[in-house]
Amino acid sequence: MIYFVGAGPGDIELLTLKAVRVLEKADAVLYTGSLVPAEILQYCREDAHIEDSRDMDYAEIFSFLEKYSQKLTVRLHTGDPSLYSTIAKQIEFLESRGIEYTVIPGVSAAFAAAASLGLEYTLPGISQTLVISRVEGRTPNPERLETILACKNSSKVFYLSIKLIESLVAEALRAGYAPDTPCWVVEKASWREERVYRGTLEDIAPKVSHIGGVALILLGDFLHRKSTQSSYLYGGGES
């Protein structure tokens, strides 16, 4: 059995109990070393076979999964496996070989960042929609950035885009966003090295130009953290 396990955003205590239990039993573990903190491997057995996939291509990953498919094997992905993890391609391979698998969800960095900042993405009167996306770079995005930004009353989180923040800012300004629209960056959300950069479309890019690693870009008026309407549920109205 292959277990795709969400390792969470970085803080080892944000692993789910289910994830810990599977790691403790695993015979083999393949983890993304560039994104998953090595401390998480402390839950593995001393005799478990552990490899880092950071320099592997698909063929090598598939070979590992097939080789250890008769054992309890964990494919450890950062955050939640449903976001930017490439599990779809791995699952396609497993199904073509008749290999069983299961997925254990994890805490995504977007929610770890919100927790660190005391944010709510769905503020009454401000936003009831959360858009998670990325700015197109080497990996194509079927949804045009201008289309994503057209939803101006949504809360937006951009993964894997920190090196393209100037393109995001330029497109947002062209789309009619005010220069003082809040735009924050959270580097390594929930890690011990976490850093937060608060700014606006007008000034955020120079503040984060040095970041070359894991970071999220948050954009929208939800960052003001102020509702303009009361919740019907708690404000005495009808839902």
C-alpha atoms as a PDB file:
ATOM      1  CA  MET A   1       0.000   0.000   0.000  1.00  0.00           C
ATOM      2  CA  ILE A   2       1.220   3.475  -0.904  1.00  0.00           C
ATOM      3  CA  TYR A   3       0.193   6.307   1.403  1.00  0.00           C
ATOM      4  CA  PHE A   4       0.334   9.851   0.061  1.00  0.00           C
ATOM      5  CA  VAL A   5       0.735  11.879   3.236  1.00  0.00           C
ATOM      6  CA  GLY A   6       0.433  15.617   3.726  1.00  0.00           C
ATOM      7  CA  ALA A   7       3.377  16.739   5.849  1.00  0.00           C
ATOM      8  CA  GLY A   8       1.784  20.100   6.636  1.00  0.00           C
ATOM      9  CA  PRO A   9       3.360  23.510   6.053  1.00  0.00           C
ATOM     10  CA  GLY A  10       6.501  22.995   8.142  1.00  0.00           C
ATOM     11  CA  ASP A  11       5.665  23.018  11.848  1.00  0.00           C
ATOM     12  CA  ILE A  12       6.086  19.397  12.907  1.00  0.00           C
ATOM     13  CA  GLU A  13       3.190  19.723  15.377  1.00  0.00           C
ATOM     14  CA  LEU A  14       0.810  20.404  12.484  1.00  0.00           C
ATOM     15  CA  LEU A  15       1.100  16.820  11.268  1.00  0.00           C
ATOM     16  CA  THR A  16      -2.171  14.971  11.712  1.00  0.00           C
ATOM     17  CA  LEU A  17      -2.348  12.064  14.143  1.00  0.00           C
ATOM     18  CA  LYS A  18      -3.146   9.794  11.209  1.00  0.00           C
ATOM     19  CA  ALA A  19      -0.006  10.939   9.394  1.00  0.00           C
ATOM     20  CA  VAL A  20       2.165  10.284  12.447  1.00  0.00           C
ATOM     21  CA  ARG A  21       0.741   6.799  12.910  1.00  0.00           C
ATOM     22  CA  VAL A  22       1.461   5.860   9.304  1.00  0.00           C
ATOM     23  CA  LEU A  23       4.988   7.277   9.441  1.00  0.00           C
ATOM     24  CA  GLU A  24       5.678   5.269  12.596  1.00  0.00           C
ATOM     25  CA  LYS A  25       4.755   2.045  10.779  1.00  0.00           C
ATOM     26  CA  ALA A  26       6.283   2.802   7.369  1.00  0.00           C
ATOM     27  CA  ASP A  27       8.814   0.432   5.829  1.00  0.00           C
ATOM     28  CA  ALA A  28       9.828   2.988   3.195  1.00  0.00           C
ATOM     29  CA  VAL A  29       9.468   6.770   2.927  1.00  0.00           C
ATOM     30  CA  LEU A  30      10.015   9.021  -0.076  1.00  0.00           C
ATOM     31  CA  TYR A  31       9.934  12.687   0.938  1.00  0.00           C
ATOM     32  CA  THR A  32      10.417  16.023  -0.799  1.00  0.00           C
ATOM     33  CA  GLY A  33      13.570  17.203   0.939  1.00  0.00           C
ATOM     34  CA  SER A  34      13.519  20.712  -0.486  1.00  0.00           C
ATOM     35  CA  LEU A  35      10.127  21.394   1.107  1.00  0.00           C
ATOM     36  CA  VAL A  36       9.576  18.932   3.960  1.00  0.00           C
ATOM     37  CA  PRO A  37      11.550  19.639   7.167  1.00  0.00           C
ATOM     38  CA  ALA A  38      13.868  16.759   8.037  1.00  0.00           C
ATOM     39  CA  GLU A  39      12.572  16.849  11.642  1.00  0.00           C
ATOM     40  CA  ILE A  40       9.398  15.147  10.483  1.00  0.00           C
ATOM     41  CA  LEU A  41      11.414  12.010   9.768  1.00  0.00           C
ATOM     42  CA  GLN A  42      11.946  11.521  13.508  1.00  0.00           C
ATOM     43  CA  TYR A  43       8.624   9.683  13.514  1.00  0.00           C
ATOM     44  CA  CYS A  44      10.008   7.018  11.175  1.00  0.00           C
ATOM     45  CA  ARG A  45      11.408   3.710  12.352  1.00  0.00           C
ATOM     46  CA  GLU A  46      15.177   3.525  12.566  1.00  0.00           C
ATOM     47  CA  ASP A  47      15.209   0.684  10.055  1.00  0.00           C
ATOM     48  CA  ALA A  48      12.865   2.384   7.562  1.00  0.00           C
ATOM     49  CA  HIS A  49      14.257   2.939   4.081  1.00  0.00           C
ATOM     50  CA  ILE A  50      14.183   6.719   3.494  1.00  0.00           C
ATOM     51  CA  GLU A  51      15.023   8.594   0.303  1.00  0.00           C
ATOM     52  CA  ASP A  52      14.858  12.242  -0.769  1.00  0.00           C
ATOM     53  CA  SER A  53      13.045  12.868  -4.058  1.00  0.00           C
ATOM     54  CA  ARG A  54      14.403  16.378  -4.652  1.00  0.00           C
ATOM     55  CA  ASP A  55      16.675  15.303  -7.526  1.00  0.00           C
ATOM     56  CA  MET A  56      14.418  12.557  -8.867  1.00  0.00           C
ATOM     57  CA  ASP A  57      12.436  12.672 -12.094  1.00  0.00           C
ATOM     58  CA  TYR A  58       9.056  10.993 -12.578  1.00  0.00           C
ATOM     59  CA  ALA A  59      10.610   7.738 -13.768  1.00  0.00           C
ATOM     60  CA  GLU A  60      12.719   7.454 -10.611  1.00  0.00           C
ATOM     61  CA  ILE A  61       9.761   8.282  -8.352  1.00  0.00           C
ATOM     62  CA  PHE A  62       7.587   5.709 -10.110  1.00  0.00           C
ATOM     63  CA  SER A  63      10.374   3.136  -9.788  1.00  0.00           C
ATOM     64  CA  PHE A  64      10.599   3.737  -6.028  1.00  0.00           C
ATOM     65  CA  LEU A  65       6.856   3.432  -5.541  1.00  0.00           C
ATOM     66  CA  GLU A  66       6.655   0.237  -7.553  1.00  0.00           C
ATOM     67  CA  LYS A  67       9.702  -1.288  -5.838  1.00  0.00           C
ATOM     68  CA  TYR A  68       8.204  -0.790  -2.370  1.00  0.00           C
ATOM     69  CA  SER A  69       4.552  -1.263  -3.291  1.00  0.00           C
ATOM     70  CA  GLN A  70       4.350  -4.559  -1.399  1.00  0.00           C
ATOM     71  CA  LYS A  71       5.410  -2.798   1.793  1.00  0.00           C
ATOM     72  CA  LEU A  72       3.866   0.036   3.795  1.00  0.00           C
ATOM     73  CA  THR A  73       5.265   2.983   1.864  1.00  0.00           C
ATOM     74  CA  VAL A  74       4.784   6.702   2.483  1.00  0.00           C
ATOM     75  CA  ARG A  75       5.119   9.335  -0.224  1.00  0.00           C
ATOM     76  CA  LEU A  76       5.494  12.442   1.917  1.00  0.00           C
ATOM     77  CA  HIS A  77       4.419  15.716   0.322  1.00  0.00           C
ATOM     78  CA  THR A  78       4.520  19.221   1.756  1.00  0.00           C
ATOM     79  CA  GLY A  79       1.271  20.844   2.893  1.00  0.00           C
ATOM     80  CA  ASP A  80      -1.776  19.014   1.599  1.00  0.00           C
ATOM     81  CA  PRO A  81      -1.302  16.521  -1.255  1.00  0.00           C
ATOM     82  CA  SER A  82      -4.211  18.011  -3.222  1.00  0.00           C
ATOM     83  CA  LEU A  83      -2.332  21.275  -3.877  1.00  0.00           C
ATOM     84  CA  TYR A  84       0.709  21.532  -6.149  1.00  0.00           C
ATOM     85  CA  SER A  85       2.019  18.080  -5.258  1.00  0.00           C
ATOM     86  CA  THR A  86       1.888  16.173  -8.589  1.00  0.00           C
ATOM     87  CA  ILE A  87       0.087  13.256  -6.923  1.00  0.00           C
ATOM     88  CA  ALA A  88      -2.288  13.033  -9.900  1.00  0.00           C
ATOM     89  CA  LYS A  89       0.514  11.760 -12.123  1.00  0.00           C
ATOM     90  CA  GLN A  90       1.739   9.377  -9.444  1.00  0.00           C
ATOM     91  CA  ILE A  91      -1.769   8.035  -8.862  1.00  0.00           C
ATOM     92  CA  GLU A  92      -2.217   7.562 -12.596  1.00  0.00           C
ATOM     93  CA  PHE A  93       0.925   5.398 -12.600  1.00  0.00           C
ATOM     94  CA  LEU A  94      -0.175   3.373  -9.569  1.00  0.00           C
ATOM     95  CA  GLU A  95      -3.600   2.708 -11.050  1.00  0.00           C
ATOM     96  CA  SER A  96      -2.009   1.571 -14.316  1.00  0.00           C
ATOM     97  CA  ARG A  97      -0.059  -1.004 -12.294  1.00  0.00           C
ATOM     98  CA  GLY A  98      -2.966  -2.016 -10.071  1.00  0.00           C
ATOM     99  CA  ILE A  99      -1.154  -0.751  -6.974  1.00  0.00           C
ATOM    100  CA  GLU A 100      -3.355   0.305  -4.056  1.00  0.00           C
ATOM    101  CA  TYR A 101      -2.989   3.721  -2.493  1.00  0.00           C
ATOM    102  CA  THR A 102      -4.674   6.062  -0.073  1.00  0.00           C
ATOM    103  CA  VAL A 103      -4.309   9.795   0.624  1.00  0.00           C
ATOM    104  CA  ILE A 104      -3.965  11.375   4.057  1.00  0.00           C
ATOM    105  CA  PRO A 105      -4.648  15.130   3.979  1.00  0.00           C
ATOM    106  CA  GLY A 106      -2.462  17.745   5.605  1.00  0.00           C
ATOM    107  CA  VAL A 107      -2.578  21.396   6.622  1.00  0.00           C
ATOM    108  CA  SER A 108      -1.819  23.645   3.659  1.00  0.00           C
ATOM    109  CA  ALA A 109       0.451  26.680   3.994  1.00  0.00           C
ATOM    110  CA  ALA A 110      -2.433  29.032   3.158  1.00  0.00           C
ATOM    111  CA  PHE A 111      -4.140  28.058   6.396  1.00  0.00           C
ATOM    112  CA  ALA A 112      -0.938  28.097   8.425  1.00  0.00           C
ATOM    113  CA  ALA A 113      -0.296  31.633   7.165  1.00  0.00           C
ATOM    114  CA  ALA A 114      -3.822  32.709   8.104  1.00  0.00           C
ATOM    115  CA  ALA A 115      -3.332  31.274  11.586  1.00  0.00           C
ATOM    116  CA  SER A 116      -0.030  33.115  12.058  1.00  0.00           C
ATOM    117  CA  LEU A 117      -1.592  36.396  10.977  1.00  0.00           C
ATOM    118  CA  GLY A 118      -4.968  36.043  12.675  1.00  0.00           C
ATOM    119  CA  LEU A 119      -6.748  36.202   9.311  1.00  0.00           C
ATOM    120  CA  GLU A 120     -10.159  35.122   8.110  1.00  0.00           C
ATOM    121  CA  TYR A 121     -10.385  34.657   4.341  1.00  0.00           C
ATOM    122  CA  THR A 122     -14.191  34.879   4.341  1.00  0.00           C
ATOM    123  CA  LEU A 123     -15.005  38.199   6.000  1.00  0.00           C
ATOM    124  CA  PRO A 124     -18.706  39.222   5.779  1.00  0.00           C
ATOM    125  CA  GLY A 125     -19.108  42.140   3.401  1.00  0.00           C
ATOM    126  CA  ILE A 126     -15.529  41.827   2.135  1.00  0.00           C
ATOM    127  CA  SER A 127     -15.038  38.368   0.698  1.00  0.00           C
ATOM    128  CA  GLN A 128     -16.830  35.045   0.684  1.00  0.00           C
ATOM    129  CA  THR A 129     -14.480  33.454  -1.826  1.00  0.00           C
ATOM    130  CA  LEU A 130     -10.923  32.179  -1.493  1.00  0.00           C
ATOM    131  CA  VAL A 131      -8.895  31.873  -4.693  1.00  0.00           C
ATOM    132  CA  ILE A 132      -5.740  29.749  -4.554  1.00  0.00           C
ATOM    133  CA  SER A 133      -3.590  29.996  -7.645  1.00  0.00           C
ATOM    134  CA  ARG A 134      -0.122  30.697  -8.997  1.00  0.00           C
ATOM    135  CA  VAL A 135       1.371  33.221 -11.383  1.00  0.00           C
ATOM    136  CA  GLU A 136       2.318  31.568 -14.644  1.00  0.00           C
ATOM    137  CA  GLY A 137       6.016  30.887 -14.978  1.00  0.00           C
ATOM    138  CA  ARG A 138       7.636  27.815 -16.525  1.00  0.00           C
ATOM    139  CA  THR A 139       4.527  25.864 -15.558  1.00  0.00           C
ATOM    140  CA  PRO A 140       1.584  27.084 -17.673  1.00  0.00           C
ATOM    141  CA  ASN A 141      -1.595  28.245 -15.944  1.00  0.00           C
ATOM    142  CA  PRO A 142      -4.729  27.496 -18.007  1.00  0.00           C
ATOM    143  CA  GLU A 143      -6.484  30.368 -16.191  1.00  0.00           C
ATOM    144  CA  ARG A 144      -5.226  33.781 -17.240  1.00  0.00           C
ATOM    145  CA  LEU A 145      -3.977  35.983 -14.408  1.00  0.00           C
ATOM    146  CA  GLU A 146      -6.255  38.805 -15.517  1.00  0.00           C
ATOM    147  CA  THR A 147      -9.230  36.445 -15.151  1.00  0.00           C
ATOM    148  CA  ILE A 148      -8.194  35.473 -11.628  1.00  0.00           C
ATOM    149  CA  LEU A 149      -7.724  39.106 -10.660  1.00  0.00           C
ATOM    150  CA  ALA A 150     -11.100  40.061 -12.140  1.00  0.00           C
ATOM    151  CA  CYS A 151     -12.679  38.554  -8.998  1.00  0.00           C
ATOM    152  CA  LYS A 152     -11.797  41.666  -7.016  1.00  0.00           C
ATOM    153  CA  ASN A 153     -13.929  40.825  -3.994  1.00  0.00           C
ATOM    154  CA  SER A 154     -12.200  37.501  -3.376  1.00  0.00           C
ATOM    155  CA  SER A 155      -9.329  36.702  -1.060  1.00  0.00           C
ATOM    156  CA  LYS A 156      -6.313  35.518  -3.029  1.00  0.00           C
ATOM    157  CA  VAL A 157      -3.339  33.351  -2.139  1.00  0.00           C
ATOM    158  CA  PHE A 158      -0.611  32.738  -4.696  1.00  0.00           C
ATOM    159  CA  TYR A 159       1.682  29.750  -4.279  1.00  0.00           C
ATOM    160  CA  LEU A 160       5.012  29.260  -6.073  1.00  0.00           C
ATOM    161  CA  SER A 161       5.006  32.839  -7.331  1.00  0.00           C
ATOM    162  CA  ILE A 162       7.368  34.871  -5.180  1.00  0.00           C
ATOM    163  CA  LYS A 163       9.895  35.324  -7.988  1.00  0.00           C
ATOM    164  CA  LEU A 164       7.068  36.588 -10.211  1.00  0.00           C
ATOM    165  CA  ILE A 165       5.617  39.103  -7.768  1.00  0.00           C
ATOM    166  CA  GLU A 166       6.448  42.057 -10.009  1.00  0.00           C
ATOM    167  CA  SER A 167       4.351  40.507 -12.787  1.00  0.00           C
ATOM    168  CA  LEU A 168       1.491  39.989 -10.322  1.00  0.00           C
ATOM    169  CA  VAL A 169       1.688  43.589  -9.117  1.00  0.00           C
ATOM    170  CA  ALA A 170       1.787  44.992 -12.644  1.00  0.00           C
ATOM    171  CA  GLU A 171      -1.203  42.929 -13.760  1.00  0.00           C
ATOM    172  CA  ALA A 172      -3.210  43.834 -10.645  1.00  0.00           C
ATOM    173  CA  LEU A 173      -2.613  47.532 -11.220  1.00  0.00           C
ATOM    174  CA  ARG A 174      -3.623  47.159 -14.875  1.00  0.00           C
ATOM    175  CA  ALA A 175      -6.783  45.413 -13.687  1.00  0.00           C
ATOM    176  CA  GLY A 176      -7.751  48.477 -11.664  1.00  0.00           C
ATOM    177  CA  TYR A 177      -6.610  47.528  -8.179  1.00  0.00           C
ATOM    178  CA  ALA A 178      -5.690  50.547  -6.105  1.00  0.00           C
ATOM    179  CA  PRO A 179      -1.965  50.941  -5.385  1.00  0.00           C
ATOM    180  CA  ASP A 180      -2.741  50.803  -1.644  1.00  0.00           C
ATOM    181  CA  THR A 181      -4.437  47.386  -1.902  1.00  0.00           C
ATOM    182  CA  PRO A 182      -2.913  45.222   0.855  1.00  0.00           C
ATOM    183  CA  CYS A 183      -0.409  42.655  -0.364  1.00  0.00           C
ATOM    184  CA  TRP A 184       1.461  40.564   2.197  1.00  0.00           C
ATOM    185  CA  VAL A 185       4.060  37.843   1.852  1.00  0.00           C
ATOM    186  CA  VAL A 186       4.550  34.993   4.306  1.00  0.00           C
ATOM    187  CA  GLU A 187       7.877  33.221   3.968  1.00  0.00           C
ATOM    188  CA  LYS A 188       8.011  29.643   5.285  1.00  0.00           C
ATOM    189  CA  ALA A 189       4.636  29.750   7.035  1.00  0.00           C
ATOM    190  CA  SER A 190       4.736  27.926  10.397  1.00  0.00           C
ATOM    191  CA  TRP A 191       8.472  27.167  10.174  1.00  0.00           C
ATOM    192  CA  ARG A 192      10.772  28.460  12.905  1.00  0.00           C
ATOM    193  CA  GLU A 193      12.217  30.721  10.207  1.00  0.00           C
ATOM    194  CA  GLU A 194       8.809  32.182   9.291  1.00  0.00           C
ATOM    195  CA  ARG A 195       8.863  35.834   8.286  1.00  0.00           C
ATOM    196  CA  VAL A 196       5.987  38.128   7.381  1.00  0.00           C
ATOM    197  CA  TYR A 197       6.268  41.114   5.039  1.00  0.00           C
ATOM    198  CA  ARG A 198       3.328  43.534   5.093  1.00  0.00           C
ATOM    199  CA  GLY A 199       2.859  45.976   2.286  1.00  0.00           C
ATOM    200  CA  THR A 200       0.669  47.124  -0.583  1.00  0.00           C
ATOM    201  CA  LEU A 201       0.792  46.638  -4.316  1.00  0.00           C
ATOM    202  CA  GLU A 202       2.763  49.857  -4.430  1.00  0.00           C
ATOM    203  CA  ASP A 203       5.629  48.808  -2.176  1.00  0.00           C
ATOM    204  CA  ILE A 204       5.668  45.037  -1.544  1.00  0.00           C
ATOM    205  CA  ALA A 205       7.967  43.901  -4.392  1.00  0.00           C
ATOM    206  CA  PRO A 206      11.192  45.558  -3.132  1.00  0.00           C
ATOM    207  CA  LYS A 207      10.545  44.235   0.384  1.00  0.00           C
ATOM    208  CA  VAL A 208      10.616  40.618  -0.755  1.00  0.00           C
ATOM    209  CA  SER A 209      13.055  40.705  -3.677  1.00  0.00           C
ATOM    210  CA  HIS A 210      15.612  38.708  -1.646  1.00  0.00           C
ATOM    211  CA  ILE A 211      13.325  35.697  -1.098  1.00  0.00           C
ATOM    212  CA  GLY A 212      14.256  32.705  -3.180  1.00  0.00           C
ATOM    213  CA  GLY A 213      12.498  29.910  -1.342  1.00  0.00           C
ATOM    214  CA  VAL A 214       9.073  28.979  -0.044  1.00  0.00           C
ATOM    215  CA  ALA A 215       6.670  31.915   0.283  1.00  0.00           C
ATOM    216  CA  LEU A 216       3.006  32.789  -0.194  1.00  0.00           C
ATOM    217  CA  ILE A 217       1.611  36.025  -1.600  1.00  0.00           C
ATOM    218  CA  LEU A 218      -1.669  37.178  -0.044  1.00  0.00           C
ATOM    219  CA  LEU A 219      -3.692  39.827  -1.862  1.00  0.00           C
ATOM    220  CA  GLY A 220      -6.953  41.566  -1.067  1.00  0.00           C
ATOM    221  CA  ASP A 221      -8.944  43.743   1.297  1.00  0.00           C
ATOM    222  CA  PHE A 222      -9.441  40.813   3.689  1.00  0.00           C
ATOM    223  CA  LEU A 223      -5.960  41.727   4.948  1.00  0.00           C
ATOM    224  CA  HIS A 224      -7.500  44.792   6.624  1.00  0.00           C
ATOM    225  CA  ARG A 225      -9.166  42.188   8.913  1.00  0.00           C
ATOM    226  CA  LYS A 226     -12.348  44.249   9.239  1.00  0.00           C
ATOM    227  CA  SER A 227     -15.837  43.079   8.268  1.00  0.00           C
ATOM    228  CA  THR A 228     -18.309  45.556   6.815  1.00  0.00           C
ATOM    229  CA  GLN A 229     -21.329  43.420   7.734  1.00  0.00           C
ATOM    230  CA  SER A 230     -22.341  41.331  10.717  1.00  0.00           C
ATOM    231  CA  SER A 231     -22.619  37.590  10.434  1.00  0.00           C
ATOM    232  CA  TYR A 232     -26.254  36.491  10.144  1.00  0.00           C
ATOM    233  CA  LEU A 233     -25.421  33.462  12.246  1.00  0.00           C
ATOM    234  CA  TYR A 234     -24.013  35.383  15.197  1.00  0.00           C
ATOM    235  CA  GLY A 235     -25.452  38.839  14.627  1.00  0.00           C
ATOM    236  CA  GLY A 236     -29.033  37.950  15.459  1.00  0.00           C
ATOM    237  CA  GLY A 237     -30.314  37.788  11.854  1.00  0.00           C
ATOM    238  CA  GLU A 238     -31.684  34.886   9.884  1.00  0.00           C
ATOM    239  CA  SER A 239     -29.404  32.728   7.784  1.00  0.00           C
END
